[in-house]
Protein backbone atom coordinates (compact mmCIF):
# COMPACT_ATOMS: atom_id res chain seq x y z
CA UNK A 1 6.52 -1.44 81.13
CA UNK A 2 3.36 -0.21 80.18
CA UNK A 3 0.36 -0.97 82.74
CA UNK A 4 -0.06 0.97 85.57
CA UNK A 5 1.61 -0.67 88.49
CA UNK A 6 -0.71 -2.83 91.15
CA UNK A 7 -3.83 -3.51 89.00
CA UNK A 8 -6.67 -4.47 91.43
CA UNK A 9 -10.02 -5.47 90.50
CA UNK A 10 -12.87 -3.07 90.02
CA UNK A 11 -16.41 -2.84 89.39
CA UNK A 12 -16.72 -4.10 85.54
CA UNK A 13 -17.57 -1.27 83.24
CA UNK A 14 -16.90 -0.78 79.64
CA UNK A 15 -17.64 3.34 79.65
CA UNK A 16 -14.79 3.70 77.28
CA UNK A 17 -15.84 1.67 74.77
CA UNK A 18 -19.42 0.96 73.98
CA UNK A 19 -22.54 3.05 75.65
CA UNK A 20 -25.14 0.32 76.43
CA UNK A 21 -25.29 0.01 80.50
CA UNK A 22 -25.79 -3.35 82.52
CA UNK A 23 -28.96 -1.54 84.07
CA UNK A 24 -31.37 -2.11 81.74
CA UNK A 25 -33.54 0.60 83.10
CA UNK A 26 -30.79 3.47 82.03
CA UNK A 27 -30.82 2.08 78.13
CA UNK A 28 -33.64 3.75 77.20
CA UNK A 29 -32.93 6.11 74.77
CA UNK A 30 -34.83 8.73 72.23
CA UNK A 31 -33.34 8.63 68.53
CA UNK A 32 -34.66 12.06 68.18
CA UNK A 33 -33.39 13.54 71.44
CA UNK A 34 -29.60 11.52 70.61
CA UNK A 35 -30.19 13.35 67.04
CA UNK A 36 -30.72 16.56 68.66
CA UNK A 37 -27.49 16.33 70.84
CA UNK A 38 -25.15 14.92 68.24
CA UNK A 39 -25.98 17.75 65.82
CA UNK A 40 -24.82 20.01 68.97
CA UNK A 41 -21.60 18.45 69.12
CA UNK A 42 -21.10 18.06 65.47
CA UNK A 43 -21.24 21.51 64.95
CA UNK A 44 -19.17 22.58 68.42
CA UNK A 45 -21.90 24.42 69.99
CA UNK A 46 -20.89 22.02 73.53
CA UNK A 47 -17.31 22.48 72.94
CA UNK A 48 -17.17 25.54 75.59
CA UNK A 49 -20.30 24.97 77.08
CA UNK A 50 -22.88 22.83 78.90
CA UNK A 51 -26.22 22.01 77.66
CA UNK A 52 -27.91 24.25 80.02
CA UNK A 53 -25.48 27.38 78.84
CA UNK A 54 -26.96 26.14 75.15
CA UNK A 55 -30.34 26.09 75.97
CA UNK A 56 -30.01 29.80 77.56
CA UNK A 57 -28.72 30.98 74.33
CA UNK A 58 -31.25 29.23 72.08
CA UNK A 59 -33.65 31.38 74.43
CA UNK A 60 -31.89 34.34 73.91
CA UNK A 61 -31.94 33.89 69.90
CA UNK A 62 -35.75 33.39 70.02
CA UNK A 63 -36.13 36.57 71.86
CA UNK A 64 -33.46 38.37 69.25
CA UNK A 65 -35.17 36.76 66.16
CA UNK A 66 -38.45 38.14 67.88
CA UNK A 67 -37.54 41.59 68.08
CA UNK A 68 -35.72 41.67 64.56
CA UNK A 69 -38.20 40.70 62.90
CA UNK A 70 -41.07 43.13 64.76
CA UNK A 71 -38.53 46.21 63.74
CA UNK A 72 -38.56 45.14 60.11
CA UNK A 73 -42.16 44.31 59.30
CA UNK A 74 -43.89 46.75 61.99
CA UNK A 75 -46.54 44.48 62.04
CA UNK A 76 -47.42 42.36 65.14
CA UNK A 77 -49.76 40.03 63.22
CA UNK A 78 -47.20 39.19 60.87
CA UNK A 79 -44.64 37.99 63.59
CA UNK A 80 -47.46 36.06 64.81
CA UNK A 81 -47.98 33.97 62.03
CA UNK A 82 -43.94 33.96 61.47
CA UNK A 83 -43.75 32.49 65.42
CA UNK A 84 -46.92 30.06 64.49
CA UNK A 85 -45.13 28.68 61.65
CA UNK A 86 -41.46 28.41 62.22
CA UNK A 87 -41.43 28.02 66.29
CA UNK A 88 -44.55 26.85 67.65
CA UNK A 89 -45.13 24.09 64.81
CA UNK A 90 -40.87 23.76 64.78
CA UNK A 91 -40.71 23.78 60.96
CA UNK A 92 -37.45 25.81 61.86
CA UNK A 93 -36.15 22.42 62.26
CA UNK A 94 -36.42 22.16 58.34
CA UNK A 95 -34.46 25.03 57.40
CA UNK A 96 -30.62 23.45 57.81
CA UNK A 97 -29.59 20.69 60.01
CA UNK A 98 -27.83 22.99 62.54
CA UNK A 99 -31.28 24.51 63.52
CA UNK A 100 -32.84 21.59 64.49
CA UNK A 101 -30.55 21.72 67.65
CA UNK A 102 -33.61 25.14 68.34
CA UNK A 103 -35.72 21.96 69.35
CA UNK A 104 -33.46 21.01 72.08
CA UNK A 105 -35.84 20.91 75.77
CA UNK A 106 -35.26 21.05 78.92
CA UNK A 107 -35.69 17.71 79.16
CA UNK A 108 -32.67 16.70 77.24
CA UNK A 109 -30.38 18.13 80.10
CA UNK A 110 -31.24 15.17 82.25
CA UNK A 111 -30.59 12.10 80.00
CA UNK A 112 -27.50 10.05 80.53
CA UNK A 113 -28.61 7.44 77.85
CA UNK A 114 -28.60 9.71 74.80
CA UNK A 115 -25.33 11.31 75.75
CA UNK A 116 -23.70 7.63 75.92
CA UNK A 117 -24.91 6.87 72.64
CA UNK A 118 -23.93 10.33 71.21
CA UNK A 119 -20.56 9.88 72.75
CA UNK A 120 -20.14 6.54 70.75
CA UNK A 121 -21.19 8.29 67.61
CA UNK A 122 -18.45 10.77 68.55
CA UNK A 123 -16.27 8.46 66.90
CA UNK A 124 -17.70 9.66 63.08
CA UNK A 125 -16.00 12.80 63.93
CA UNK A 126 -12.92 14.28 61.65
CA UNK A 127 -9.86 16.01 63.95
CA UNK A 128 -9.63 19.61 63.45
CA UNK A 129 -12.69 19.75 60.86
CA UNK A 130 -15.62 22.62 60.95
CA UNK A 131 -18.76 20.46 59.48
CA UNK A 132 -20.46 22.71 56.66
CA UNK A 133 -24.26 23.88 57.51
CA UNK A 134 -24.67 26.16 54.13
CA UNK A 135 -28.27 25.74 53.03
CA UNK A 136 -29.70 27.37 49.73
CA UNK A 137 -33.37 28.13 48.31
CA UNK A 138 -34.20 29.61 51.38
CA UNK A 139 -37.34 32.06 51.07
CA UNK A 140 -37.08 35.33 53.10
CA UNK A 141 -38.02 34.46 56.39
CA UNK A 142 -36.09 31.13 56.25
CA UNK A 143 -33.09 33.32 55.20
CA UNK A 144 -33.50 35.62 57.96
CA UNK A 145 -33.53 32.98 60.78
CA UNK A 146 -30.52 31.09 59.29
CA UNK A 147 -28.45 34.04 59.30
CA UNK A 148 -29.27 35.31 62.82
CA UNK A 149 -28.96 31.60 64.12
CA UNK A 150 -25.31 31.38 62.26
CA UNK A 151 -24.32 34.92 63.52
CA UNK A 152 -24.84 33.64 67.41
CA UNK A 153 -23.75 29.89 66.57
CA UNK A 154 -20.96 29.85 64.46
CA UNK A 155 -19.45 26.15 63.66
CA UNK A 156 -16.74 25.35 65.28
CA UNK A 157 -14.29 22.42 66.00
CA UNK A 158 -16.68 19.57 67.70
CA UNK A 159 -15.66 18.56 71.25
CA UNK A 160 -13.76 15.16 70.56
CA UNK A 161 -14.15 13.52 73.90
CA UNK A 162 -16.54 10.46 73.44
CA UNK A 163 -15.77 6.61 73.13
CA UNK A 164 -12.39 4.88 71.86
CA UNK A 165 -13.34 3.36 68.29
CA UNK A 166 -13.12 -0.37 68.83
CA UNK A 167 -13.21 -0.24 64.90
CA UNK A 168 -11.26 2.63 63.48
CA UNK A 169 -11.51 1.09 59.94
CA UNK A 170 -15.23 1.19 59.94
CA UNK A 171 -15.56 4.68 61.85
CA UNK A 172 -12.76 6.13 59.51
CA UNK A 173 -14.98 4.74 56.58
CA UNK A 174 -18.74 6.36 57.82
CA UNK A 175 -16.65 9.77 59.11
CA UNK A 176 -16.24 10.33 55.09
CA UNK A 177 -19.86 9.54 54.81
CA UNK A 178 -20.75 12.20 57.19
CA UNK A 179 -18.81 14.76 55.42
CA UNK A 180 -20.60 13.90 52.34
CA UNK A 181 -23.84 13.86 54.17
CA UNK A 182 -23.06 17.20 55.67
CA UNK A 183 -22.07 18.53 52.32
CA UNK A 184 -25.87 18.29 50.96
CA UNK A 185 -27.71 19.81 53.76
CA UNK A 186 -31.25 19.34 52.85
CA UNK A 187 -30.40 15.37 52.25
CA UNK A 188 -28.37 15.37 55.41
CA UNK A 189 -31.24 17.11 57.82
CA UNK A 190 -33.93 14.09 55.95
CA UNK A 191 -31.74 11.08 56.55
CA UNK A 192 -29.47 12.70 59.88
CA UNK A 193 -31.26 9.88 62.00
CA UNK A 194 -31.46 6.47 59.93
CA UNK A 195 -27.55 7.27 59.19
CA UNK A 196 -26.79 7.68 63.31
CA UNK A 197 -29.21 4.22 63.73
CA UNK A 198 -27.44 2.45 60.67
CA UNK A 199 -23.87 3.35 61.66
CA UNK A 200 -24.52 2.23 65.53
CA UNK A 201 -25.89 -1.11 64.55
CA UNK A 202 -23.32 -1.85 62.03
CA UNK A 203 -20.63 -0.90 64.70
CA UNK A 204 -22.29 -3.01 67.27
CA UNK A 205 -22.40 -6.12 64.60
CA UNK A 206 -19.04 -5.95 63.34
CA UNK A 207 -17.91 -5.51 67.43
CA UNK A 208 -19.71 -8.52 67.86
CA UNK A 209 -18.03 -10.36 65.14
CA UNK A 210 -14.26 -9.53 65.97
CA UNK A 211 -14.49 -9.09 69.83
CA UNK A 212 -12.89 -12.23 70.43
CA UNK A 213 -10.43 -12.55 67.58
CA UNK A 214 -7.92 -9.56 69.43
CA UNK A 215 -5.05 -12.27 69.17
CA UNK A 216 -4.44 -11.13 65.73
CA UNK A 217 -3.06 -8.10 66.98
CA UNK A 218 -4.21 -5.54 64.15
CA UNK A 219 -7.38 -3.50 63.46
CA UNK A 220 -9.96 -5.42 62.68
CA UNK A 221 -10.87 -5.77 59.33
CA UNK A 222 -14.90 -5.35 58.21
CA UNK A 223 -16.24 -8.92 58.46
CA UNK A 224 -19.18 -10.37 56.27
CA UNK A 225 -22.50 -10.14 57.85
CA UNK A 226 -24.98 -11.03 55.25
CA UNK A 227 -28.27 -9.12 55.11
CA UNK A 228 -31.55 -9.78 52.70
CA UNK A 229 -33.96 -6.58 51.14
CA UNK A 230 -37.18 -6.50 52.99
CA UNK A 231 -38.84 -7.54 49.70
CA UNK A 232 -37.36 -11.16 49.95
CA UNK A 233 -38.06 -14.35 50.95
CA UNK A 234 -35.51 -16.35 53.27
CA UNK A 235 -34.77 -19.93 53.77
CA UNK A 236 -32.36 -22.28 55.43
CA UNK A 237 -31.07 -23.13 52.21
CA UNK A 238 -29.28 -19.79 51.75
CA UNK A 239 -26.19 -20.78 53.34
CA UNK A 240 -24.25 -17.61 53.60
CA UNK A 241 -27.17 -15.90 55.59
CA UNK A 242 -27.28 -18.57 58.16
CA UNK A 243 -23.63 -18.82 58.54
CA UNK A 244 -22.66 -15.47 58.57
CA UNK A 245 -25.65 -13.09 59.66
CA UNK A 246 -27.39 -12.69 62.38
CA UNK A 247 -26.86 -15.86 63.88
CA UNK A 248 -23.14 -15.17 63.86
CA UNK A 249 -23.55 -11.95 65.29
CA UNK A 250 -25.55 -13.26 68.06
CA UNK A 251 -23.12 -15.60 68.81
CA UNK A 252 -20.44 -12.95 69.84
CA UNK A 253 -22.39 -10.86 71.87
CA UNK A 254 -22.23 -11.99 75.38
CA UNK A 255 -18.37 -11.23 74.75
CA UNK A 256 -18.78 -7.80 74.05
CA UNK A 257 -19.33 -6.72 77.95
CA UNK A 258 -16.94 -8.90 79.44
CA UNK A 259 -13.85 -8.03 76.62
CA UNK A 260 -14.86 -4.37 76.89
CA UNK A 261 -14.62 -4.49 81.24
CA UNK A 262 -11.22 -6.23 80.48
CA UNK A 263 -9.78 -3.46 77.94
CA UNK A 264 -11.11 -0.86 80.86
CA UNK A 265 -9.08 -2.47 83.51
CA UNK A 266 -6.04 -2.79 81.57
CA UNK A 267 -5.35 1.26 81.87
CA UNK A 268 -1.66 2.36 80.66
CA UNK A 269 0.82 3.81 83.29
CA UNK A 270 -0.07 6.92 81.60
CA UNK A 271 -3.77 6.45 81.91
CA UNK A 272 -4.78 5.59 78.45
CA UNK A 273 -6.89 2.99 77.60
CA UNK A 274 -7.15 0.74 74.48
CA UNK A 275 -8.75 -2.04 72.56
CA UNK A 276 -7.73 -5.71 73.45
CA UNK A 277 -5.81 -5.92 69.92
CA UNK A 278 -3.67 -2.93 70.53
CA UNK A 279 -3.15 -3.55 74.48
CA UNK A 280 -1.70 -7.05 73.02
CA UNK A 281 0.79 -4.95 70.84
CA UNK A 282 2.11 -2.64 73.98
CA UNK A 283 2.56 -5.29 76.76
CA UNK A 284 6.03 -5.24 77.53
CA UNK A 285 8.18 -8.10 79.31
CA UNK A 286 8.23 -6.21 82.64
CA UNK A 287 4.58 -6.21 82.53
CA UNK A 288 4.35 -9.73 83.34
CA UNK A 289 4.93 -9.71 86.85
CA UNK A 290 2.05 -7.30 87.13
CA UNK A 291 -0.52 -9.70 85.13
CA UNK A 292 0.08 -12.56 86.46
CA UNK A 293 -0.47 -10.74 90.03
CA UNK A 294 -3.51 -9.26 88.73
CA UNK A 295 -5.20 -12.47 87.39
CA UNK A 296 -4.72 -14.41 90.74
CA UNK A 297 -6.17 -11.44 92.57
CA UNK A 298 -9.00 -11.32 90.25
CA UNK A 299 -10.25 -15.11 90.75
CA UNK A 300 -9.92 -14.56 94.53
CA UNK A 301 -11.93 -11.58 94.71
CA UNK A 302 -14.56 -12.55 91.84
CA UNK A 303 -14.55 -16.36 94.08
CA UNK A 304 -13.77 -18.43 91.19
CA UNK A 305 -13.10 -21.77 90.43
CA UNK A 306 -10.13 -21.70 87.93
CA UNK A 307 -7.14 -24.12 87.31
CA UNK A 308 -4.25 -21.44 87.54
CA UNK A 309 -1.60 -23.17 85.95
CA UNK A 310 1.85 -21.38 85.46
CA UNK A 311 2.39 -18.86 82.51
CA UNK A 312 4.82 -18.72 79.91
CA UNK A 313 3.99 -15.66 78.03
CA UNK A 314 2.24 -12.48 78.53
CA UNK A 315 -0.23 -14.09 75.93
CA UNK A 316 -0.95 -16.72 77.86
CA UNK A 317 -1.88 -14.70 80.36
CA UNK A 318 -3.87 -12.07 78.65
CA UNK A 319 -6.10 -15.48 77.60
CA UNK A 320 -6.44 -16.33 81.02
CA UNK A 321 -7.70 -12.94 81.42
CA UNK A 322 -9.72 -13.14 78.97
CA UNK A 323 -11.55 -16.33 80.11
CA UNK A 324 -12.10 -15.40 84.08
CA UNK A 325 -13.27 -12.12 82.71
CA UNK A 326 -16.24 -13.96 80.66
CA UNK A 327 -16.30 -16.46 83.31
CA UNK A 328 -17.78 -14.22 86.43
CA UNK A 329 -20.66 -14.16 83.85
CA UNK A 330 -21.27 -17.18 83.60
CA UNK A 331 -24.90 -18.89 84.38
CA UNK A 332 -25.08 -19.32 88.59
CA UNK A 333 -22.67 -16.53 88.67
CA UNK A 334 -23.81 -13.55 90.83
CA UNK A 335 -23.20 -11.33 88.09
CA UNK A 336 -24.52 -13.25 85.54
CA UNK A 337 -27.63 -10.91 85.12
CA UNK A 338 -25.80 -7.99 84.32
CA UNK A 339 -23.87 -9.33 80.83
CA UNK A 340 -27.41 -11.06 80.15
CA UNK A 341 -28.67 -7.22 80.54
CA UNK A 342 -26.40 -6.11 78.17
CA UNK A 343 -26.87 -8.86 75.91
CA UNK A 344 -30.90 -7.98 75.84
CA UNK A 345 -30.76 -4.38 75.45
CA UNK A 346 -28.40 -4.58 72.49
CA UNK A 347 -30.86 -7.24 70.82
CA UNK A 348 -34.31 -5.44 71.53
CA UNK A 349 -32.87 -1.47 70.93
CA UNK A 350 -29.26 -1.54 68.52
CA UNK A 351 -30.49 -5.01 66.62
CA UNK A 352 -34.08 -4.68 66.58
CA UNK A 353 -34.99 -2.33 63.65
CA UNK A 354 -32.64 -4.52 61.01
CA UNK A 355 -33.93 -7.76 62.15
CA UNK A 356 -37.00 -10.02 61.01
CA UNK A 357 -38.04 -13.56 61.97
CA UNK A 358 -38.54 -15.29 58.34
CA UNK A 359 -40.36 -18.73 58.81
CA UNK A 360 -37.70 -21.74 59.07
CA UNK A 361 -34.70 -19.04 58.14
CA UNK A 362 -35.19 -17.64 62.07
CA UNK A 363 -33.82 -14.59 62.65
CA UNK A 364 -32.40 -12.29 59.84
CA UNK A 365 -30.49 -9.09 59.22
CA UNK A 366 -32.65 -6.95 56.59
CA UNK A 367 -32.17 -3.92 54.90
CA UNK A 368 -35.23 -1.62 54.43
CA UNK A 369 -35.79 0.70 51.41
CA UNK A 370 -35.39 3.75 53.06
CA UNK A 371 -31.98 2.53 54.70
CA UNK A 372 -30.93 1.08 51.06
CA UNK A 373 -31.46 4.23 49.36
CA UNK A 374 -29.86 6.32 51.86
CA UNK A 375 -26.78 3.49 51.59
CA UNK A 376 -26.86 3.80 47.92
CA UNK A 377 -26.12 7.42 47.75
CA UNK A 378 -23.74 7.36 50.39
CA UNK A 379 -21.26 4.63 48.92
CA UNK A 380 -21.94 6.49 45.18
CA UNK A 381 -21.07 9.50 46.61
CA UNK A 382 -19.81 12.83 44.74
CA UNK A 383 -19.89 10.79 41.79
CA UNK A 384 -22.96 10.53 39.15
CA UNK A 385 -23.22 7.00 38.99
CA UNK A 386 -21.14 3.78 39.75
CA UNK A 387 -20.91 0.71 38.36
CA UNK A 388 -23.14 -2.15 40.08
CA UNK A 389 -20.41 -4.31 41.03
CA UNK A 390 -18.64 -1.38 42.64
CA UNK A 391 -21.88 -0.46 44.81
CA UNK A 392 -21.85 -3.96 46.00
CA UNK A 393 -18.28 -4.11 47.24
CA UNK A 394 -18.58 -0.16 48.78
CA UNK A 395 -21.67 -1.76 50.51
CA UNK A 396 -19.32 -4.56 51.57
CA UNK A 397 -16.76 -1.77 53.44
CA UNK A 398 -19.52 -0.88 55.33
CA UNK A 399 -20.20 -4.44 56.59
CA UNK A 400 -23.20 -5.25 54.40
CA UNK A 401 -23.18 -8.12 52.26
CA UNK A 402 -25.43 -9.83 49.79
CA UNK A 403 -25.84 -13.35 48.29
CA UNK A 404 -26.64 -13.75 44.63
CA UNK A 405 -30.23 -14.05 45.55
CA UNK A 406 -30.24 -10.51 47.14
CA UNK A 407 -28.20 -9.11 44.36
CA UNK A 408 -30.93 -9.91 41.89
CA UNK A 409 -33.39 -8.58 44.18
CA UNK A 410 -31.01 -5.36 44.56
CA UNK A 411 -31.08 -4.83 40.57
CA UNK A 412 -35.05 -5.30 40.97
CA UNK A 413 -35.22 -2.45 43.35
CA UNK A 414 -32.92 0.02 41.39
CA UNK A 415 -35.12 -0.89 38.39
CA UNK A 416 -38.23 -0.09 40.05
CA UNK A 417 -36.68 3.47 41.19
CA UNK A 418 -35.71 4.14 38.00
CA UNK A 419 -31.68 4.82 38.88
CA UNK A 420 -30.45 2.38 36.70
CA UNK A 421 -28.54 2.46 33.41
CA UNK A 422 -27.79 -0.72 31.29
CA UNK A 423 -24.39 0.53 28.95
CA UNK A 424 -25.05 -2.76 27.44
CA UNK A 425 -28.04 -4.74 25.88
CA UNK A 426 -26.47 -8.15 27.49
CA UNK A 427 -26.71 -5.88 30.68
CA UNK A 428 -23.38 -6.59 31.86
CA UNK A 429 -22.57 -3.01 32.24
CA UNK A 430 -25.32 -1.75 35.22
CA UNK A 431 -24.96 1.33 36.52
CA UNK A 432 -26.58 2.86 39.78
CA UNK A 433 -27.06 6.40 39.71
CA UNK A 434 -27.18 8.44 42.93
CA UNK A 435 -31.02 9.97 44.05
CA UNK A 436 -30.07 13.01 45.74
């Protein structure tokens, strides 16, 4: 038997799988704080201590560095200048990615929404891997600060206790991208927040597209999701954009919470929780009576009017459970607002930076130049350049697709940027160079 015995209806939650709350008021979060907390986790600074303890250690670091500079410089005015430039004006955060953690404030300790977002971002962490924070070309003062900070806060393995990824393939690809970024610390420092925003968005978009495809019983592949560049015009005639763009993602949003709440409820006898596409492969014949009883108890608990025919297979019961988990949030039901709150929050916070309304084309996904440039450098990686065709294929591996019009606009963007190299007069062999 896979499932724990005697499943019972409980409050709906997707806390193990996705960070958005059904309470809209608790979903406001600050990406600056998210980024700082993420870096704390990335470098293992919270692996053995709570946030308030880390803040105490940061305060102690400040006192130690003040004492060290005063002893080395023998000049009170020199310390005041260093203090003003690097600490009061927070330029310390520009020395290395890890030193951005120094901006951690007392207010950061009570922010639950940011912590939930970071729990999703922890799906990026590579097991048994310590992330690089090496930096070069520091001046004398910056080197002293950096070395002192490293001596007090050495990098460790992260705490991997985060959310369960529903999309292992996407998480794995961006996990490699994160390693590439951390190996280029100055570029990482400049782009970490953009990277985290983009991963959260792409994860959500792909989740919405595949959420109802659990019966395939496999790790979800990356699905087509079409974008335009922010310099392009959009029209209703662009079929891919209309068929497999924003509207496709929007269509699946209201299934995210019911499906993940079902995953949350189908806990194994050992206390494990898995995506629904995984659960369907783990269920055994002796789980049949348990699932059937759970279905009937659930519809009674939720006061749902459902025709409950006899079930022949475990798959048929699981499908019926999936439907009643959705039905409890239908219009007119007492729980309807909870799911609509989730959908509204996803649209207004997670998707919004990547959407624009374009006349008759309606709402479309748009990739701005800063995200496009970051993505380009990520897909080229440690190579100096990559064929345009391969760049586009790498975009698609990350869930970003372009139609023919957008591909033309992409070439134009790279030409204006000056990072293309044509290997033939015909232009058949176009290479894109990274800008790091």
